[in-house]
Amino acid sequence: ATWEARDNINAGVGEGGFFLATGGETKREPELNATLRAVAAPGAAVARPPADLPAAVWASSAAAVAR
């Protein structure tokens, strides 16, 4: 929305995955609506769904897409 603060939000890819920060002294780094992509390190473990997650939910997630 036009009334929302757009300057004190930041998102990106960190060592352990994605991060999101808002408020205070946070400064926007990627442009709004930018696509962020994390690439697994060579030899990284394959993502596994939580044991109690329905298979249909996992199948619709980005983690289930073969890369």
N, C-alpha and C. Protein backbone atom coordinates (compact mmCIF):
# COMPACT_ATOMS: atom_id res chain seq x y z
N ALA A 1 0.84 -1.18 0.00
CA ALA A 1 0.00 0.00 0.00
C ALA A 1 0.88 1.24 0.00
N THR A 2 0.37 2.33 -0.52
CA THR A 2 1.16 3.55 -0.61
C THR A 2 1.50 4.13 0.75
N TRP A 3 0.70 3.82 1.80
CA TRP A 3 0.94 4.37 3.13
C TRP A 3 1.97 3.57 3.92
N GLU A 4 2.38 2.40 3.45
CA GLU A 4 3.30 1.57 4.20
C GLU A 4 4.74 2.09 4.12
N ALA A 5 5.48 1.90 5.20
CA ALA A 5 6.91 2.25 5.20
C ALA A 5 7.64 1.27 4.29
N ARG A 6 8.47 1.77 3.41
CA ARG A 6 9.18 0.91 2.46
C ARG A 6 10.69 1.05 2.56
N ASP A 7 11.15 1.91 3.44
CA ASP A 7 12.58 2.15 3.52
C ASP A 7 13.26 1.36 4.64
N ASN A 8 12.51 0.93 5.65
CA ASN A 8 13.16 0.22 6.75
C ASN A 8 12.75 -1.25 6.78
N ILE A 9 12.95 -1.89 5.63
CA ILE A 9 12.73 -3.32 5.49
C ILE A 9 13.89 -3.89 4.69
N ASN A 10 14.32 -5.07 5.06
CA ASN A 10 15.44 -5.69 4.36
C ASN A 10 15.21 -7.20 4.36
N ALA A 11 15.63 -7.85 3.33
CA ALA A 11 15.55 -9.30 3.22
C ALA A 11 16.74 -9.77 2.40
N GLY A 12 17.12 -11.01 2.59
CA GLY A 12 18.23 -11.53 1.82
C GLY A 12 18.50 -12.98 2.14
N VAL A 13 19.62 -13.44 1.67
CA VAL A 13 20.05 -14.81 1.89
C VAL A 13 21.26 -14.77 2.79
N GLY A 14 21.17 -15.45 3.94
CA GLY A 14 22.27 -15.52 4.88
C GLY A 14 22.89 -16.91 4.86
N GLU A 15 23.80 -17.14 5.76
CA GLU A 15 24.50 -18.42 5.82
C GLU A 15 23.56 -19.59 6.08
N GLY A 16 22.54 -19.38 6.92
CA GLY A 16 21.64 -20.47 7.27
C GLY A 16 20.32 -20.46 6.53
N GLY A 17 20.13 -19.56 5.59
CA GLY A 17 18.86 -19.47 4.87
C GLY A 17 18.48 -18.03 4.64
N PHE A 18 17.20 -17.78 4.54
CA PHE A 18 16.69 -16.43 4.29
C PHE A 18 16.52 -15.66 5.58
N PHE A 19 16.55 -14.32 5.49
CA PHE A 19 16.27 -13.49 6.65
C PHE A 19 15.36 -12.35 6.23
N LEU A 20 14.63 -11.82 7.20
CA LEU A 20 13.77 -10.67 7.01
C LEU A 20 13.92 -9.78 8.22
N ALA A 21 14.16 -8.49 8.00
CA ALA A 21 14.31 -7.52 9.08
C ALA A 21 13.45 -6.31 8.76
N THR A 22 12.76 -5.78 9.77
CA THR A 22 11.92 -4.60 9.57
C THR A 22 12.07 -3.65 10.74
N GLY A 23 11.82 -2.37 10.50
CA GLY A 23 11.76 -1.38 11.55
C GLY A 23 13.09 -0.77 11.92
N GLY A 24 13.00 0.26 12.76
CA GLY A 24 14.19 0.90 13.31
C GLY A 24 15.17 1.39 12.27
N GLU A 25 16.43 1.06 12.47
CA GLU A 25 17.51 1.51 11.59
C GLU A 25 17.73 0.60 10.38
N THR A 26 16.86 -0.37 10.17
CA THR A 26 16.99 -1.29 9.05
C THR A 26 16.94 -0.52 7.74
N LYS A 27 17.83 -0.83 6.83
CA LYS A 27 17.88 -0.17 5.53
C LYS A 27 17.56 -1.18 4.43
N ARG A 28 16.76 -0.78 3.47
CA ARG A 28 16.40 -1.64 2.34
C ARG A 28 17.61 -1.86 1.45
N GLU A 29 17.90 -3.11 1.16
CA GLU A 29 19.01 -3.41 0.24
C GLU A 29 18.50 -3.93 -1.09
N PRO A 30 17.81 -5.07 -1.15
CA PRO A 30 17.29 -5.43 -2.48
C PRO A 30 16.06 -4.57 -2.77
N GLU A 31 15.78 -4.38 -4.03
CA GLU A 31 14.59 -3.64 -4.41
C GLU A 31 13.35 -4.41 -3.98
N LEU A 32 12.27 -3.70 -3.69
CA LEU A 32 11.02 -4.36 -3.36
C LEU A 32 10.62 -5.26 -4.52
N ASN A 33 10.05 -6.39 -4.22
CA ASN A 33 9.62 -7.39 -5.20
C ASN A 33 10.78 -8.10 -5.89
N ALA A 34 12.00 -7.96 -5.37
CA ALA A 34 13.14 -8.68 -5.93
C ALA A 34 13.02 -10.16 -5.60
N THR A 35 13.54 -11.01 -6.45
CA THR A 35 13.55 -12.45 -6.21
C THR A 35 14.85 -12.81 -5.51
N LEU A 36 14.73 -13.52 -4.41
CA LEU A 36 15.91 -13.97 -3.66
C LEU A 36 16.06 -15.47 -3.88
N ARG A 37 17.28 -15.92 -4.09
CA ARG A 37 17.50 -17.34 -4.34
C ARG A 37 18.66 -17.82 -3.49
N ALA A 38 18.42 -18.87 -2.76
CA ALA A 38 19.48 -19.50 -1.97
C ALA A 38 19.94 -20.74 -2.73
N VAL A 39 21.23 -20.94 -2.77
CA VAL A 39 21.80 -22.10 -3.44
C VAL A 39 22.47 -22.96 -2.39
N ALA A 40 22.13 -24.23 -2.37
CA ALA A 40 22.71 -25.15 -1.39
C ALA A 40 24.20 -25.33 -1.67
N ALA A 41 24.97 -25.40 -0.61
CA ALA A 41 26.41 -25.64 -0.73
C ALA A 41 26.63 -27.07 -1.20
N PRO A 42 27.71 -27.31 -1.94
CA PRO A 42 28.01 -28.68 -2.36
C PRO A 42 28.08 -29.61 -1.15
N GLY A 43 27.42 -30.74 -1.26
CA GLY A 43 27.43 -31.70 -0.17
C GLY A 43 26.41 -31.41 0.92
N ALA A 44 25.59 -30.37 0.74
CA ALA A 44 24.59 -30.03 1.76
C ALA A 44 23.52 -31.11 1.82
N ALA A 45 22.94 -31.28 2.98
CA ALA A 45 21.90 -32.29 3.16
C ALA A 45 20.67 -31.92 2.34
N VAL A 46 19.98 -32.92 1.87
CA VAL A 46 18.75 -32.73 1.11
C VAL A 46 17.63 -32.38 2.10
N ALA A 47 16.81 -31.40 1.73
CA ALA A 47 15.71 -31.00 2.60
C ALA A 47 14.73 -32.14 2.77
N ARG A 48 14.29 -32.34 3.99
CA ARG A 48 13.31 -33.37 4.31
C ARG A 48 12.13 -32.70 5.02
N PRO A 49 10.92 -33.15 4.71
CA PRO A 49 9.76 -32.55 5.37
C PRO A 49 9.66 -32.99 6.82
N PRO A 50 9.05 -32.17 7.67
CA PRO A 50 8.78 -32.60 9.04
C PRO A 50 7.89 -33.85 9.01
N ALA A 51 8.06 -34.74 9.96
CA ALA A 51 7.32 -36.00 9.98
C ALA A 51 5.81 -35.80 10.02
N ASP A 52 5.33 -34.72 10.64
CA ASP A 52 3.88 -34.52 10.77
C ASP A 52 3.29 -33.62 9.68
N LEU A 53 4.06 -33.28 8.66
CA LEU A 53 3.56 -32.43 7.58
C LEU A 53 2.87 -33.28 6.52
N PRO A 54 1.62 -32.97 6.16
CA PRO A 54 0.95 -33.75 5.12
C PRO A 54 1.73 -33.72 3.81
N ALA A 55 1.80 -34.85 3.15
CA ALA A 55 2.59 -34.98 1.91
C ALA A 55 2.17 -33.97 0.85
N ALA A 56 0.87 -33.66 0.76
CA ALA A 56 0.40 -32.71 -0.25
C ALA A 56 0.95 -31.31 -0.01
N VAL A 57 1.12 -30.94 1.25
CA VAL A 57 1.68 -29.62 1.57
C VAL A 57 3.14 -29.58 1.14
N TRP A 58 3.90 -30.60 1.48
CA TRP A 58 5.32 -30.65 1.10
C TRP A 58 5.47 -30.65 -0.41
N ALA A 59 4.63 -31.40 -1.10
CA ALA A 59 4.72 -31.49 -2.56
C ALA A 59 4.49 -30.14 -3.24
N SER A 60 3.75 -29.25 -2.57
CA SER A 60 3.48 -27.94 -3.17
C SER A 60 4.52 -26.90 -2.79
N SER A 61 5.50 -27.28 -1.97
CA SER A 61 6.49 -26.30 -1.50
C SER A 61 7.69 -26.22 -2.45
N ALA A 62 8.41 -25.12 -2.34
CA ALA A 62 9.61 -24.93 -3.16
C ALA A 62 10.68 -25.94 -2.80
N ALA A 63 10.71 -26.39 -1.56
CA ALA A 63 11.74 -27.35 -1.14
C ALA A 63 11.58 -28.69 -1.83
N ALA A 64 10.39 -29.00 -2.30
CA ALA A 64 10.15 -30.28 -2.93
C ALA A 64 10.51 -30.29 -4.41
N VAL A 65 10.79 -29.11 -4.97
CA VAL A 65 11.12 -28.99 -6.39
C VAL A 65 12.56 -29.44 -6.61
N ALA A 66 12.75 -30.38 -7.51
CA ALA A 66 14.10 -30.86 -7.82
C ALA A 66 14.92 -29.75 -8.45
N ARG A 67 16.17 -29.64 -8.05
CA ARG A 67 17.05 -28.61 -8.61
C ARG A 67 18.22 -29.26 -9.30
